[in-house]
C-alpha atoms as a PDB file:
ATOM      1  CA  MET A   1     -21.271  -4.509 -24.148  1.00  0.00           C
ATOM      2  CA  SER A   2     -24.245  -3.054 -22.054  1.00  0.00           C
ATOM      3  CA  GLY A   3     -25.093   0.887 -22.620  1.00  0.00           C
ATOM      4  CA  ARG A   4     -24.089   1.337 -19.332  1.00  0.00           C
ATOM      5  CA  ARG A   5     -20.519   0.175 -19.543  1.00  0.00           C
ATOM      6  CA  ARG A   6     -19.783   2.257 -22.692  1.00  0.00           C
ATOM      7  CA  GLY A   7     -21.032   5.391 -20.676  1.00  0.00           C
ATOM      8  CA  TRP A   8     -18.425   4.452 -17.976  1.00  0.00           C
ATOM      9  CA  GLY A   9     -16.002   4.174 -21.141  1.00  0.00           C
ATOM     10  CA  ARG A  10     -16.728   6.991 -22.607  1.00  0.00           C
ATOM     11  CA  ARG A  11     -16.933   8.877 -19.419  1.00  0.00           C
ATOM     12  CA  THR A  12     -13.282   7.964 -18.895  1.00  0.00           C
ATOM     13  CA  ASN A  13     -12.028   9.291 -22.290  1.00  0.00           C
ATOM     14  CA  GLU A  14     -13.774  12.397 -21.769  1.00  0.00           C
ATOM     15  CA  ALA A  15     -11.839  12.745 -18.256  1.00  0.00           C
ATOM     16  CA  ALA A  16      -8.801  11.545 -19.951  1.00  0.00           C
ATOM     17  CA  SER A  17      -8.994  14.144 -21.984  1.00  0.00           C
ATOM     18  CA  ARG A  18      -9.200  16.773 -19.235  1.00  0.00           C
ATOM     19  CA  VAL A  19      -6.602  16.121 -16.938  1.00  0.00           C
ATOM     20  CA  THR A  20      -4.653  15.570 -20.030  1.00  0.00           C
ATOM     21  CA  ALA A  21      -5.286  19.369 -20.252  1.00  0.00           C
ATOM     22  CA  ARG A  22      -5.108  20.813 -16.470  1.00  0.00           C
ATOM     23  CA  VAL A  23      -1.913  18.706 -16.117  1.00  0.00           C
ATOM     24  CA  ASP A  24      -0.945  22.012 -13.809  1.00  0.00           C
ATOM     25  CA  ASP A  25      -4.205  21.877 -11.547  1.00  0.00           C
ATOM     26  CA  GLY A  26      -4.326  20.421  -8.093  1.00  0.00           C
ATOM     27  CA  THR A  27      -5.549  17.748  -8.970  1.00  0.00           C
ATOM     28  CA  GLY A  28      -3.123  16.661 -11.505  1.00  0.00           C
ATOM     29  CA  ARG A  29       0.036  17.836  -8.964  1.00  0.00           C
ATOM     30  CA  ALA A  30      -1.865  15.587  -5.774  1.00  0.00           C
ATOM     31  CA  ALA A  31      -2.539  13.040  -8.256  1.00  0.00           C
ATOM     32  CA  THR A  32       1.412  12.895  -9.304  1.00  0.00           C
ATOM     33  CA  ARG A  33       1.915  13.603  -5.818  1.00  0.00           C
ATOM     34  CA  ALA A  34       0.880  10.238  -4.633  1.00  0.00           C
ATOM     35  CA  ALA A  35       1.711   8.191  -7.421  1.00  0.00           C
ATOM     36  CA  ASP A  36       4.989   8.799  -6.429  1.00  0.00           C
ATOM     37  CA  LEU A  37       4.500   7.969  -3.374  1.00  0.00           C
ATOM     38  CA  LEU A  38       2.475   5.176  -4.590  1.00  0.00           C
ATOM     39  CA  VAL A  39       5.552   3.729  -6.367  1.00  0.00           C
ATOM     40  CA  VAL A  40       7.532   4.306  -3.090  1.00  0.00           C
ATOM     41  CA  ALA A  41       5.884   1.655  -1.311  1.00  0.00           C
ATOM     42  CA  VAL A  42       5.495  -0.360  -3.804  1.00  0.00           C
ATOM     43  CA  ARG A  43       9.030  -0.932  -4.517  1.00  0.00           C
ATOM     44  CA  LEU A  44       9.451  -1.133  -0.803  1.00  0.00           C
ATOM     45  CA  LEU A  45       7.557  -3.722   0.131  1.00  0.00           C
ATOM     46  CA  ARG A  46       8.259  -6.083  -3.088  1.00  0.00           C
ATOM     47  CA  ILE A  47      11.005  -8.271  -1.063  1.00  0.00           C
ATOM     48  CA  PRO A  48       9.626  -8.013   2.367  1.00  0.00           C
ATOM     49  CA  THR A  49       5.703  -8.944   0.347  1.00  0.00           C
ATOM     50  CA  ALA A  50       7.717 -11.778  -1.783  1.00  0.00           C
ATOM     51  CA  VAL A  51       9.327 -13.302   1.749  1.00  0.00           C
ATOM     52  CA  LEU A  52       5.922 -13.011   3.030  1.00  0.00           C
ATOM     53  CA  LEU A  53       4.728 -15.859  -0.242  1.00  0.00           C
ATOM     54  CA  VAL A  54       7.197 -17.395   0.432  1.00  0.00           C
ATOM     55  CA  VAL A  55       7.579 -18.186   4.489  1.00  0.00           C
ATOM     56  CA  PRO A  56       4.820 -20.054   4.953  1.00  0.00           C
ATOM     57  CA  LEU A  57       5.293 -22.628   1.406  1.00  0.00           C
ATOM     58  CA  PRO A  58       7.847 -25.155   2.683  1.00  0.00           C
ATOM     59  CA  PHE A  59       5.155 -25.989   6.006  1.00  0.00           C
ATOM     60  CA  ILE A  60       2.256 -25.762   3.844  1.00  0.00           C
ATOM     61  CA  ALA A  61       4.195 -28.222   1.332  1.00  0.00           C
ATOM     62  CA  VAL A  62       5.128 -30.477   4.735  1.00  0.00           C
ATOM     63  CA  THR A  63       1.245 -30.293   5.527  1.00  0.00           C
ATOM     64  CA  ALA A  64       0.440 -31.388   1.670  1.00  0.00           C
ATOM     65  CA  ALA A  65       2.775 -34.367   1.669  1.00  0.00           C
ATOM     66  CA  VAL A  66       1.442 -35.685   4.823  1.00  0.00           C
ATOM     67  CA  ALA A  67      -1.551 -35.996   4.247  1.00  0.00           C
ATOM     68  CA  VAL A  68      -0.965 -37.704   0.912  1.00  0.00           C
ATOM     69  CA  SER A  69       0.831 -40.053   3.093  1.00  0.00           C
ATOM     70  CA  SER A  70      -1.849 -40.597   5.365  1.00  0.00           C
ATOM     71  CA  ASP A  71      -5.272 -42.830   5.140  1.00  0.00           C
ATOM     72  CA  GLY A  72      -8.762 -42.714   6.013  1.00  0.00           C
ATOM     73  CA  ALA A  73     -10.110 -39.243   7.545  1.00  0.00           C
ATOM     74  CA  PHE A  74      -6.282 -37.644   8.397  1.00  0.00           C
ATOM     75  CA  ARG A  75      -5.567 -38.081   4.469  1.00  0.00           C
ATOM     76  CA  VAL A  76      -9.188 -35.816   3.608  1.00  0.00           C
ATOM     77  CA  VAL A  77      -8.378 -32.943   6.278  1.00  0.00           C
ATOM     78  CA  GLY A  78      -5.268 -32.886   6.056  1.00  0.00           C
ATOM     79  CA  LEU A  79      -5.477 -32.083   2.588  1.00  0.00           C
ATOM     80  CA  VAL A  80      -8.515 -29.224   3.272  1.00  0.00           C
ATOM     81  CA  VAL A  81      -6.258 -28.520   6.321  1.00  0.00           C
ATOM     82  CA  ALA A  82      -3.071 -27.334   3.368  1.00  0.00           C
ATOM     83  CA  GLY A  83      -5.540 -26.524   0.165  1.00  0.00           C
ATOM     84  CA  LEU A  84      -6.868 -23.525   2.347  1.00  0.00           C
ATOM     85  CA  PRO A  85      -3.633 -21.903   2.987  1.00  0.00           C
ATOM     86  CA  ALA A  86      -2.544 -22.429  -0.381  1.00  0.00           C
ATOM     87  CA  LEU A  87      -5.638 -20.749  -1.679  1.00  0.00           C
ATOM     88  CA  VAL A  88      -5.238 -17.706   0.611  1.00  0.00           C
ATOM     89  CA  SER A  89      -1.090 -17.413  -0.492  1.00  0.00           C
ATOM     90  CA  ALA A  90      -2.095 -17.851  -4.577  1.00  0.00           C
ATOM     91  CA  ALA A  91      -4.835 -15.013  -3.611  1.00  0.00           C
ATOM     92  CA  PHE A  92      -1.999 -13.052  -2.425  1.00  0.00           C
ATOM     93  CA  ALA A  93       0.910 -13.692  -4.757  1.00  0.00           C
ATOM     94  CA  TRP A  94      -2.368 -12.484  -7.160  1.00  0.00           C
ATOM     95  CA  ARG A  95      -2.958  -9.273  -5.990  1.00  0.00           C
ATOM     96  CA  ARG A  96       0.561  -8.700  -5.167  1.00  0.00           C
ATOM     97  CA  ARG A  97       1.007  -8.582  -8.874  1.00  0.00           C
ATOM     98  CA  GLN A  98      -1.312  -6.777  -9.602  1.00  0.00           C
ATOM     99  CA  VAL A  99      -0.208  -4.000  -6.775  1.00  0.00           C
ATOM    100  CA  VAL A 100       3.481  -4.632  -8.438  1.00  0.00           C
ATOM    101  CA  ASN A 101       2.307  -4.139 -11.746  1.00  0.00           C
ATOM    102  CA  ALA A 102       0.700  -0.550 -11.077  1.00  0.00           C
ATOM    103  CA  VAL A 103       3.235   1.419 -10.081  1.00  0.00           C
ATOM    104  CA  ASP A 104       5.451  -0.163 -13.625  1.00  0.00           C
ATOM    105  CA  ASP A 105       4.657   3.366 -15.137  1.00  0.00           C
ATOM    106  CA  PRO A 106       4.701   5.997 -12.833  1.00  0.00           C
ATOM    107  CA  VAL A 107       3.588   9.032 -15.428  1.00  0.00           C
ATOM    108  CA  ALA A 108       0.236   6.817 -16.701  1.00  0.00           C
ATOM    109  CA  LEU A 109      -0.495   6.014 -12.615  1.00  0.00           C
ATOM    110  CA  ALA A 110      -0.726   9.351 -11.405  1.00  0.00           C
ATOM    111  CA  THR A 111      -2.904  10.717 -14.890  1.00  0.00           C
ATOM    112  CA  GLU A 112      -4.661   7.744 -13.746  1.00  0.00           C
ATOM    113  CA  LEU A 113      -5.422   8.596 -10.294  1.00  0.00           C
ATOM    114  CA  ALA A 114      -6.495  12.202 -11.394  1.00  0.00           C
ATOM    115  CA  ILE A 115      -8.636  10.450 -14.631  1.00  0.00           C
ATOM    116  CA  MET A 116     -10.039   8.530 -10.806  1.00  0.00           C
ATOM    117  CA  VAL A 117     -10.765  12.405  -8.814  1.00  0.00           C
ATOM    118  CA  GLU A 118     -12.812  13.707 -12.049  1.00  0.00           C
ATOM    119  CA  MET A 119     -14.842  11.293 -12.323  1.00  0.00           C
ATOM    120  CA  SER A 120     -15.817  10.764  -8.524  1.00  0.00           C
ATOM    121  CA  GLY A 121     -18.301  13.543  -8.404  1.00  0.00           C
ATOM    122  CA  ARG A 122     -16.860  14.590  -5.413  1.00  0.00           C
ATOM    123  CA  ALA A 123     -13.755  16.060  -6.735  1.00  0.00           C
ATOM    124  CA  ASP A 124     -12.806  18.023  -4.226  1.00  0.00           C
ATOM    125  CA  GLU A 125     -13.214  15.461  -1.620  1.00  0.00           C
ATOM    126  CA  THR A 126     -11.853  12.357  -3.405  1.00  0.00           C
ATOM    127  CA  ARG A 127      -8.137  15.243  -4.049  1.00  0.00           C
ATOM    128  CA  GLY A 128      -8.312  16.009  -0.759  1.00  0.00           C
ATOM    129  CA  ILE A 129      -7.426  11.769   0.212  1.00  0.00           C
ATOM    130  CA  LEU A 130      -4.612  12.017  -2.372  1.00  0.00           C
ATOM    131  CA  GLU A 131      -3.381  15.143  -0.885  1.00  0.00           C
ATOM    132  CA  GLN A 132      -3.085  14.443   2.023  1.00  0.00           C
ATOM    133  CA  ILE A 133      -1.597  10.840   0.926  1.00  0.00           C
ATOM    134  CA  ALA A 134       1.186  12.547  -0.311  1.00  0.00           C
ATOM    135  CA  GLY A 135       1.874  14.775   1.909  1.00  0.00           C
ATOM    136  CA  GLY A 136       3.509  18.505   1.647  1.00  0.00           C
ATOM    137  CA  GLY A 137       6.768  17.349   2.504  1.00  0.00           C
ATOM    138  CA  GLY A 138       8.976  14.517   5.107  1.00  0.00           C
ATOM    139  CA  SER A 139       6.949  12.064   6.368  1.00  0.00           C
ATOM    140  CA  ARG A 140       3.837  12.341   7.768  1.00  0.00           C
ATOM    141  CA  VAL A 141       3.172   9.030   8.276  1.00  0.00           C
ATOM    142  CA  PHE A 142       0.033   9.187  10.295  1.00  0.00           C
ATOM    143  CA  SER A 143      -1.649  11.812   8.539  1.00  0.00           C
ATOM    144  CA  ARG A 144      -0.855   9.492   5.588  1.00  0.00           C
ATOM    145  CA  LEU A 145      -2.536   7.038   6.896  1.00  0.00           C
ATOM    146  CA  ARG A 146      -5.244   8.847   7.735  1.00  0.00           C
ATOM    147  CA  GLY A 147      -5.990   9.717   3.994  1.00  0.00           C
ATOM    148  CA  ALA A 148      -4.888   6.249   2.880  1.00  0.00           C
ATOM    149  CA  TRP A 149      -8.047   4.745   5.478  1.00  0.00           C
ATOM    150  CA  ARG A 150     -10.086   7.641   4.624  1.00  0.00           C
ATOM    151  CA  GLY A 151     -10.072   6.253   0.743  1.00  0.00           C
ATOM    152  CA  VAL A 152     -10.670   2.497   2.267  1.00  0.00           C
ATOM    153  CA  THR A 153     -13.603   3.649   3.752  1.00  0.00           C
ATOM    154  CA  MET A 154     -15.436   5.315   0.813  1.00  0.00           C
ATOM    155  CA  PRO A 155     -18.308   4.188  -0.844  1.00  0.00           C
ATOM    156  CA  ALA A 156     -17.398   2.055  -4.428  1.00  0.00           C
ATOM    157  CA  ARG A 157     -20.434   3.841  -5.838  1.00  0.00           C
ATOM    158  CA  TRP A 158     -18.120   7.295  -6.616  1.00  0.00           C
ATOM    159  CA  ILE A 159     -16.377   5.667  -8.047  1.00  0.00           C
ATOM    160  CA  GLN A 160     -18.869   3.382 -10.280  1.00  0.00           C
ATOM    161  CA  GLY A 161     -15.937   3.580 -13.667  1.00  0.00           C
ATOM    162  CA  VAL A 162     -12.727   2.783 -11.531  1.00  0.00           C
ATOM    163  CA  GLU A 163     -12.474  -0.767 -13.507  1.00  0.00           C
ATOM    164  CA  ASP A 164     -11.752   0.273 -16.593  1.00  0.00           C
ATOM    165  CA  LEU A 165      -8.232   2.316 -14.909  1.00  0.00           C
ATOM    166  CA  ARG A 166      -5.822  -0.737 -15.175  1.00  0.00           C
ATOM    167  CA  ARG A 167      -3.676   0.683 -11.816  1.00  0.00           C
ATOM    168  CA  ALA A 168      -5.560   2.692  -9.743  1.00  0.00           C
ATOM    169  CA  ARG A 169      -8.255   0.146  -9.562  1.00  0.00           C
ATOM    170  CA  ASN A 170      -5.732  -0.799  -7.545  1.00  0.00           C
ATOM    171  CA  PHE A 171      -5.781   1.622  -5.336  1.00  0.00           C
ATOM    172  CA  ALA A 172      -9.556   2.711  -4.960  1.00  0.00           C
ATOM    173  CA  PRO A 173     -12.750   0.942  -3.485  1.00  0.00           C
ATOM    174  CA  PRO A 174     -13.236  -2.319  -3.507  1.00  0.00           C
ATOM    175  CA  ARG A 175      -9.673  -3.430  -4.617  1.00  0.00           C
ATOM    176  CA  ILE A 176      -7.957  -1.685  -2.178  1.00  0.00           C
ATOM    177  CA  GLY A 177     -10.003  -3.420   0.700  1.00  0.00           C
ATOM    178  CA  TRP A 178      -8.764  -6.631  -0.536  1.00  0.00           C
ATOM    179  CA  THR A 179      -5.386  -6.511  -0.640  1.00  0.00           C
ATOM    180  CA  ILE A 180      -5.485  -5.064   2.269  1.00  0.00           C
ATOM    181  CA  SER A 181      -7.670  -7.998   3.942  1.00  0.00           C
ATOM    182  CA  ILE A 182      -5.697 -10.634   2.083  1.00  0.00           C
ATOM    183  CA  SER A 183      -2.328  -9.227   3.277  1.00  0.00           C
ATOM    184  CA  ILE A 184      -3.663  -9.586   6.931  1.00  0.00           C
ATOM    185  CA  ALA A 185      -4.893 -13.088   5.584  1.00  0.00           C
ATOM    186  CA  ALA A 186      -0.912 -13.743   4.797  1.00  0.00           C
ATOM    187  CA  LEU A 187       0.714 -12.458   7.704  1.00  0.00           C
ATOM    188  CA  TRP A 188      -1.291 -14.608  10.449  1.00  0.00           C
ATOM    189  CA  LEU A 189      -0.883 -17.413   7.784  1.00  0.00           C
ATOM    190  CA  VAL A 190       3.017 -17.734   8.640  1.00  0.00           C
ATOM    191  CA  PRO A 191       2.400 -18.751  12.469  1.00  0.00           C
ATOM    192  CA  ILE A 192      -0.946 -21.023  11.545  1.00  0.00           C
ATOM    193  CA  SER A 193       1.356 -22.280   9.069  1.00  0.00           C
ATOM    194  CA  VAL A 194       3.525 -23.473  11.269  1.00  0.00           C
ATOM    195  CA  VAL A 195       1.618 -25.134  13.645  1.00  0.00           C
ATOM    196  CA  VAL A 196      -0.670 -27.199  11.525  1.00  0.00           C
ATOM    197  CA  ALA A 197       2.793 -28.881   9.732  1.00  0.00           C
ATOM    198  CA  LEU A 198       3.962 -29.340  13.805  1.00  0.00           C
ATOM    199  CA  PHE A 199       0.331 -31.272  14.423  1.00  0.00           C
ATOM    200  CA  ALA A 200       0.902 -32.636  11.074  1.00  0.00           C
ATOM    201  CA  LEU A 201       4.195 -33.704  11.361  1.00  0.00           C
ATOM    202  CA  VAL A 202       3.173 -35.287  15.331  1.00  0.00           C
ATOM    203  CA  GLY A 203      -0.345 -36.936  13.983  1.00  0.00           C
ATOM    204  CA  GLY A 204       1.114 -38.739  10.772  1.00  0.00           C
ATOM    205  CA  LEU A 205       3.984 -40.063  13.241  1.00  0.00           C
ATOM    206  CA  ALA A 206       2.396 -40.977  15.176  1.00  0.00           C
ATOM    207  CA  GLY A 207      -0.072 -42.782  13.609  1.00  0.00           C
ATOM    208  CA  SER A 208       2.839 -44.564  12.091  1.00  0.00           C
ATOM    209  CA  LEU A 209       3.274 -46.220  15.436  1.00  0.00           C
END
């Protein structure tokens, strides 16, 4: 383990001790509210994201089956076209599992979010983002979205030790950006996989005539 890595691990442990000793401060309260909101949001999205994950799979399978049963260049192209969506689905499933596992312990998540604030080097600004995401009651959807966007656009160097935080790292840069990107790709995958499967079927039928 490098000296830099050990340094970040030491800072993580020190921050954990400070946060545990000050559970009633503003950072702890903001982290708890943000963690509660994240837990609810992830649990509400479990079924929709599972549906989003499953829907393209039959169409990807159709494309792959047609490609395997074909010959020549059409077979190679078909396998490539089927393989790319399969990779997107696999990446989405992996990120979904990580995010779902991150909220399995709300207390631990809140602690890690508070530690992340302490480690950021810009505690006031990072705490403000948590408070904006958490809100003070009610829906406040647009305010929370603005807070989430501020979190996404924060430079990753502000939270250089975030990889030591198994749960909180999923809601901090750069991983939150990856999650948004792969989710958008998964959304587009549904219509694209349908269209590609239809073209594969038409091409397969035309080739068999």
